[in-house]
Amino acid sequence: MRSGWLKFLLGLWLLLSPWILGYWRITSALWSQVVVGVLIILLSLWEIVGVEENNQNNDQNEER
């Protein structure tokens, strides 16, 4: 689960880095960072939610 949050932070960094590092005027670099950052964020959230749902299902199965 911790790796999902690390991936989320990586995606967030990629998304914000053009403005933080000051190369937002380079259009190709900006859009590649934004697209890859958003994809990593979405996939990491999918992983985090999937892990949490899987843990809840395992807990319910153990109670039976």
PDB file of N, CA and C in Angstrom:
ATOM      1  N   MET A   1       0.824  -1.188   0.000  1.00  0.00           N
ATOM      2  CA  MET A   1       0.000   0.000   0.000  1.00  0.00           C
ATOM      3  C   MET A   1       0.867   1.250   0.000  1.00  0.00           C
ATOM      4  N   ARG A   2       1.990   1.181   0.678  1.00  0.00           N
ATOM      5  CA  ARG A   2       2.868   2.347   0.725  1.00  0.00           C
ATOM      6  C   ARG A   2       3.418   2.662  -0.665  1.00  0.00           C
ATOM      7  N   SER A   3       3.672   1.631  -1.473  1.00  0.00           N
ATOM      8  CA  SER A   3       4.205   1.888  -2.815  1.00  0.00           C
ATOM      9  C   SER A   3       3.189   2.637  -3.673  1.00  0.00           C
ATOM     10  N   GLY A   4       1.899   2.395  -3.451  1.00  0.00           N
ATOM     11  CA  GLY A   4       0.871   3.131  -4.182  1.00  0.00           C
ATOM     12  C   GLY A   4       0.930   4.613  -3.885  1.00  0.00           C
ATOM     13  N   TRP A   5       1.135   4.945  -2.622  1.00  0.00           N
ATOM     14  CA  TRP A   5       1.232   6.365  -2.243  1.00  0.00           C
ATOM     15  C   TRP A   5       2.517   6.991  -2.764  1.00  0.00           C
ATOM     16  N   LEU A   6       3.597   6.222  -2.824  1.00  0.00           N
ATOM     17  CA  LEU A   6       4.840   6.757  -3.394  1.00  0.00           C
ATOM     18  C   LEU A   6       4.666   7.036  -4.885  1.00  0.00           C
ATOM     19  N   LYS A   7       3.959   6.147  -5.572  1.00  0.00           N
ATOM     20  CA  LYS A   7       3.678   6.364  -6.990  1.00  0.00           C
ATOM     21  C   LYS A   7       2.793   7.595  -7.172  1.00  0.00           C
ATOM     22  N   PHE A   8       1.837   7.775  -6.282  1.00  0.00           N
ATOM     23  CA  PHE A   8       0.975   8.963  -6.331  1.00  0.00           C
ATOM     24  C   PHE A   8       1.812  10.229  -6.207  1.00  0.00           C
ATOM     25  N   LEU A   9       2.738  10.242  -5.245  1.00  0.00           N
ATOM     26  CA  LEU A   9       3.594  11.422  -5.061  1.00  0.00           C
ATOM     27  C   LEU A   9       4.496  11.656  -6.270  1.00  0.00           C
ATOM     28  N   LEU A  10       4.986  10.584  -6.882  1.00  0.00           N
ATOM     29  CA  LEU A  10       5.790  10.716  -8.093  1.00  0.00           C
ATOM     30  C   LEU A  10       4.963  11.352  -9.211  1.00  0.00           C
ATOM     31  N   GLY A  11       3.736  10.873  -9.383  1.00  0.00           N
ATOM     32  CA  GLY A  11       2.856  11.449 -10.395  1.00  0.00           C
ATOM     33  C   GLY A  11       2.557  12.910 -10.131  1.00  0.00           C
ATOM     34  N   LEU A  12       2.341  13.241  -8.864  1.00  0.00           N
ATOM     35  CA  LEU A  12       2.084  14.628  -8.496  1.00  0.00           C
ATOM     36  C   LEU A  12       3.296  15.501  -8.799  1.00  0.00           C
ATOM     37  N   TRP A  13       4.475  14.987  -8.500  1.00  0.00           N
ATOM     38  CA  TRP A  13       5.702  15.732  -8.804  1.00  0.00           C
ATOM     39  C   TRP A  13       5.837  15.949 -10.311  1.00  0.00           C
ATOM     40  N   LEU A  14       5.600  14.888 -11.099  1.00  0.00           N
ATOM     41  CA  LEU A  14       5.698  15.034 -12.546  1.00  0.00           C
ATOM     42  C   LEU A  14       4.683  16.041 -13.069  1.00  0.00           C
ATOM     43  N   LEU A  15       3.501  16.039 -12.492  1.00  0.00           N
ATOM     44  CA  LEU A  15       2.463  16.962 -12.916  1.00  0.00           C
ATOM     45  C   LEU A  15       2.840  18.412 -12.617  1.00  0.00           C
ATOM     46  N   LEU A  16       3.414  18.662 -11.469  1.00  0.00           N
ATOM     47  CA  LEU A  16       3.709  20.030 -11.036  1.00  0.00           C
ATOM     48  C   LEU A  16       5.112  20.511 -11.388  1.00  0.00           C
ATOM     49  N   SER A  17       6.001  19.614 -11.769  1.00  0.00           N
ATOM     50  CA  SER A  17       7.404  19.988 -11.974  1.00  0.00           C
ATOM     51  C   SER A  17       7.635  21.052 -13.052  1.00  0.00           C
ATOM     52  N   PRO A  18       6.861  21.094 -14.143  1.00  0.00           N
ATOM     53  CA  PRO A  18       7.133  22.180 -15.103  1.00  0.00           C
ATOM     54  C   PRO A  18       7.004  23.577 -14.486  1.00  0.00           C
ATOM     55  N   TRP A  19       6.066  23.759 -13.581  1.00  0.00           N
ATOM     56  CA  TRP A  19       5.883  25.067 -12.946  1.00  0.00           C
ATOM     57  C   TRP A  19       6.880  25.271 -11.805  1.00  0.00           C
ATOM     58  N   ILE A  20       7.171  24.213 -11.074  1.00  0.00           N
ATOM     59  CA  ILE A  20       8.120  24.330  -9.960  1.00  0.00           C
ATOM     60  C   ILE A  20       9.529  24.609 -10.476  1.00  0.00           C
ATOM     61  N   LEU A  21       9.920  23.899 -11.532  1.00  0.00           N
ATOM     62  CA  LEU A  21      11.278  24.043 -12.062  1.00  0.00           C
ATOM     63  C   LEU A  21      11.395  25.116 -13.145  1.00  0.00           C
ATOM     64  N   GLY A  22      10.263  25.682 -13.571  1.00  0.00           N
ATOM     65  CA  GLY A  22      10.281  26.837 -14.453  1.00  0.00           C
ATOM     66  C   GLY A  22      10.413  26.552 -15.941  1.00  0.00           C
ATOM     67  N   TYR A  23      10.038  25.378 -16.411  1.00  0.00           N
ATOM     68  CA  TYR A  23      10.105  25.130 -17.848  1.00  0.00           C
ATOM     69  C   TYR A  23       8.713  24.947 -18.455  1.00  0.00           C
ATOM     70  N   TRP A  24       7.742  25.627 -17.895  1.00  0.00           N
ATOM     71  CA  TRP A  24       6.363  25.506 -18.370  1.00  0.00           C
ATOM     72  C   TRP A  24       6.146  26.144 -19.738  1.00  0.00           C
ATOM     73  N   ARG A  25       7.061  26.955 -20.192  1.00  0.00           N
ATOM     74  CA  ARG A  25       6.909  27.587 -21.511  1.00  0.00           C
ATOM     75  C   ARG A  25       7.309  26.655 -22.648  1.00  0.00           C
ATOM     76  N   ILE A  26       8.005  25.576 -22.343  1.00  0.00           N
ATOM     77  CA  ILE A  26       8.375  24.589 -23.359  1.00  0.00           C
ATOM     78  C   ILE A  26       7.194  23.632 -23.495  1.00  0.00           C
ATOM     79  N   THR A  27       6.394  23.849 -24.521  1.00  0.00           N
ATOM     80  CA  THR A  27       5.101  23.190 -24.648  1.00  0.00           C
ATOM     81  C   THR A  27       5.205  21.674 -24.669  1.00  0.00           C
ATOM     82  N   SER A  28       6.139  21.116 -25.422  1.00  0.00           N
ATOM     83  CA  SER A  28       6.237  19.660 -25.514  1.00  0.00           C
ATOM     84  C   SER A  28       6.629  19.050 -24.169  1.00  0.00           C
ATOM     85  N   ALA A  29       7.542  19.673 -23.470  1.00  0.00           N
ATOM     86  CA  ALA A  29       7.935  19.174 -22.155  1.00  0.00           C
ATOM     87  C   ALA A  29       6.796  19.308 -21.156  1.00  0.00           C
ATOM     88  N   LEU A  30       6.084  20.417 -21.223  1.00  0.00           N
ATOM     89  CA  LEU A  30       4.958  20.637 -20.324  1.00  0.00           C
ATOM     90  C   LEU A  30       3.905  19.552 -20.498  1.00  0.00           C
ATOM     91  N   TRP A  31       3.468  19.329 -21.743  1.00  0.00           N
ATOM     92  CA  TRP A  31       2.384  18.376 -21.966  1.00  0.00           C
ATOM     93  C   TRP A  31       2.796  16.939 -21.693  1.00  0.00           C
ATOM     94  N   SER A  32       4.041  16.598 -21.995  1.00  0.00           N
ATOM     95  CA  SER A  32       4.466  15.228 -21.689  1.00  0.00           C
ATOM     96  C   SER A  32       4.488  14.995 -20.176  1.00  0.00           C
ATOM     97  N   GLN A  33       4.953  15.963 -19.422  1.00  0.00           N
ATOM     98  CA  GLN A  33       4.963  15.834 -17.965  1.00  0.00           C
ATOM     99  C   GLN A  33       3.548  15.776 -17.398  1.00  0.00           C
ATOM    100  N   VAL A  34       2.664  16.614 -17.915  1.00  0.00           N
ATOM    101  CA  VAL A  34       1.288  16.644 -17.416  1.00  0.00           C
ATOM    102  C   VAL A  34       0.584  15.326 -17.720  1.00  0.00           C
ATOM    103  N   VAL A  35       0.703  14.832 -18.949  1.00  0.00           N
ATOM    104  CA  VAL A  35       0.022  13.595 -19.329  1.00  0.00           C
ATOM    105  C   VAL A  35       0.560  12.409 -18.538  1.00  0.00           C
ATOM    106  N   VAL A  36       1.868  12.277 -18.453  1.00  0.00           N
ATOM    107  CA  VAL A  36       2.454  11.163 -17.702  1.00  0.00           C
ATOM    108  C   VAL A  36       2.130  11.288 -16.220  1.00  0.00           C
ATOM    109  N   GLY A  37       2.178  12.484 -15.683  1.00  0.00           N
ATOM    110  CA  GLY A  37       1.848  12.681 -14.273  1.00  0.00           C
ATOM    111  C   GLY A  37       0.417  12.299 -13.955  1.00  0.00           C
ATOM    112  N   VAL A  38      -0.519  12.709 -14.803  1.00  0.00           N
ATOM    113  CA  VAL A  38      -1.929  12.361 -14.583  1.00  0.00           C
ATOM    114  C   VAL A  38      -2.130  10.860 -14.692  1.00  0.00           C
ATOM    115  N   LEU A  39      -1.504  10.222 -15.675  1.00  0.00           N
ATOM    116  CA  LEU A  39      -1.624   8.764 -15.814  1.00  0.00           C
ATOM    117  C   LEU A  39      -1.094   8.038 -14.579  1.00  0.00           C
ATOM    118  N   ILE A  40       0.053   8.452 -14.091  1.00  0.00           N
ATOM    119  CA  ILE A  40       0.622   7.814 -12.901  1.00  0.00           C
ATOM    120  C   ILE A  40      -0.276   8.038 -11.695  1.00  0.00           C
ATOM    121  N   ILE A  41      -0.817   9.234 -11.551  1.00  0.00           N
ATOM    122  CA  ILE A  41      -1.729   9.516 -10.438  1.00  0.00           C
ATOM    123  C   ILE A  41      -2.956   8.622 -10.518  1.00  0.00           C
ATOM    124  N   LEU A  42      -3.571   8.532 -11.690  1.00  0.00           N
ATOM    125  CA  LEU A  42      -4.774   7.707 -11.838  1.00  0.00           C
ATOM    126  C   LEU A  42      -4.494   6.235 -11.572  1.00  0.00           C
ATOM    127  N   LEU A  43      -3.392   5.731 -12.113  1.00  0.00           N
ATOM    128  CA  LEU A  43      -3.057   4.323 -11.897  1.00  0.00           C
ATOM    129  C   LEU A  43      -2.704   4.041 -10.441  1.00  0.00           C
ATOM    130  N   SER A  44      -2.039   4.972  -9.788  1.00  0.00           N
ATOM    131  CA  SER A  44      -1.704   4.750  -8.381  1.00  0.00           C
ATOM    132  C   SER A  44      -2.953   4.786  -7.509  1.00  0.00           C
ATOM    133  N   LEU A  45      -3.894   5.680  -7.824  1.00  0.00           N
ATOM    134  CA  LEU A  45      -5.154   5.708  -7.066  1.00  0.00           C
ATOM    135  C   LEU A  45      -5.943   4.419  -7.295  1.00  0.00           C
ATOM    136  N   TRP A  46      -5.904   3.914  -8.507  1.00  0.00           N
ATOM    137  CA  TRP A  46      -6.575   2.649  -8.811  1.00  0.00           C
ATOM    138  C   TRP A  46      -5.949   1.526  -7.993  1.00  0.00           C
ATOM    139  N   GLU A  47      -4.617   1.536  -7.897  1.00  0.00           N
ATOM    140  CA  GLU A  47      -3.917   0.531  -7.094  1.00  0.00           C
ATOM    141  C   GLU A  47      -4.274   0.678  -5.614  1.00  0.00           C
ATOM    142  N   ILE A  48      -4.288   1.895  -5.105  1.00  0.00           N
ATOM    143  CA  ILE A  48      -4.586   2.126  -3.685  1.00  0.00           C
ATOM    144  C   ILE A  48      -6.003   1.669  -3.361  1.00  0.00           C
ATOM    145  N   VAL A  49      -6.962   2.047  -4.186  1.00  0.00           N
ATOM    146  CA  VAL A  49      -8.351   1.652  -3.948  1.00  0.00           C
ATOM    147  C   VAL A  49      -8.496   0.142  -4.076  1.00  0.00           C
ATOM    148  N   GLY A  50      -7.833  -0.456  -5.054  1.00  0.00           N
ATOM    149  CA  GLY A  50      -7.895  -1.900  -5.239  1.00  0.00           C
ATOM    150  C   GLY A  50      -7.316  -2.657  -4.066  1.00  0.00           C
ATOM    151  N   VAL A  51      -6.225  -2.171  -3.517  1.00  0.00           N
ATOM    152  CA  VAL A  51      -5.605  -2.817  -2.357  1.00  0.00           C
ATOM    153  C   VAL A  51      -6.529  -2.720  -1.153  1.00  0.00           C
ATOM    154  N   GLU A  52      -7.133  -1.560  -0.938  1.00  0.00           N
ATOM    155  CA  GLU A  52      -8.030  -1.384   0.199  1.00  0.00           C
ATOM    156  C   GLU A  52      -9.263  -2.272   0.061  1.00  0.00           C
ATOM    157  N   GLU A  53      -9.835  -2.355  -1.147  1.00  0.00           N
ATOM    158  CA  GLU A  53     -11.004  -3.211  -1.366  1.00  0.00           C
ATOM    159  C   GLU A  53     -10.631  -4.676  -1.176  1.00  0.00           C
ATOM    160  N   ASN A  54      -9.455  -5.055  -1.642  1.00  0.00           N
ATOM    161  CA  ASN A  54      -9.002  -6.430  -1.496  1.00  0.00           C
ATOM    162  C   ASN A  54      -8.807  -6.780  -0.024  1.00  0.00           C
ATOM    163  N   ASN A  55      -8.262  -5.854   0.745  1.00  0.00           N
ATOM    164  CA  ASN A  55      -8.081  -6.086   2.174  1.00  0.00           C
ATOM    165  C   ASN A  55      -9.421  -6.232   2.879  1.00  0.00           C
ATOM    166  N   GLN A  56     -10.411  -5.426   2.483  1.00  0.00           N
ATOM    167  CA  GLN A  56     -11.738  -5.527   3.088  1.00  0.00           C
ATOM    168  C   GLN A  56     -12.384  -6.859   2.736  1.00  0.00           C
ATOM    169  N   ASN A  57     -12.231  -7.313   1.496  1.00  0.00           N
ATOM    170  CA  ASN A  57     -12.791  -8.602   1.095  1.00  0.00           C
ATOM    171  C   ASN A  57     -12.126  -9.745   1.845  1.00  0.00           C
ATOM    172  N   ASN A  58     -10.820  -9.659   2.053  1.00  0.00           N
ATOM    173  CA  ASN A  58     -10.112 -10.699   2.800  1.00  0.00           C
ATOM    174  C   ASN A  58     -10.574 -10.740   4.249  1.00  0.00           C
ATOM    175  N   ASP A  59     -10.809  -9.564   4.843  1.00  0.00           N
ATOM    176  CA  ASP A  59     -11.297  -9.516   6.221  1.00  0.00           C
ATOM    177  C   ASP A  59     -12.669 -10.147   6.330  1.00  0.00           C
ATOM    178  N   GLN A  60     -13.539  -9.909   5.353  1.00  0.00           N
ATOM    179  CA  GLN A  60     -14.877 -10.487   5.377  1.00  0.00           C
ATOM    180  C   GLN A  60     -14.824 -11.996   5.195  1.00  0.00           C
ATOM    181  N   ASN A  61     -13.917 -12.475   4.352  1.00  0.00           N
ATOM    182  CA  ASN A  61     -13.784 -13.916   4.135  1.00  0.00           C
ATOM    183  C   ASN A  61     -13.247 -14.624   5.381  1.00  0.00           C
ATOM    184  N   GLU A  62     -12.368 -13.966   6.114  1.00  0.00           N
ATOM    185  CA  GLU A  62     -11.804 -14.568   7.318  1.00  0.00           C
ATOM    186  C   GLU A  62     -12.843 -14.681   8.426  1.00  0.00           C
ATOM    187  N   GLU A  63     -13.811 -13.772   8.438  1.00  0.00           N
ATOM    188  CA  GLU A  63     -14.847 -13.801   9.479  1.00  0.00           C
ATOM    189  C   GLU A  63     -15.828 -14.960   9.268  1.00  0.00           C
ATOM    190  N   ARG A  64     -15.951 -15.450   8.066  1.00  0.00           N
ATOM    191  CA  ARG A  64     -16.902 -16.534   7.768  1.00  0.00           C
ATOM    192  C   ARG A  64     -16.394 -17.852   8.189  1.00  0.00           C
TER     193      ARG A  64
END
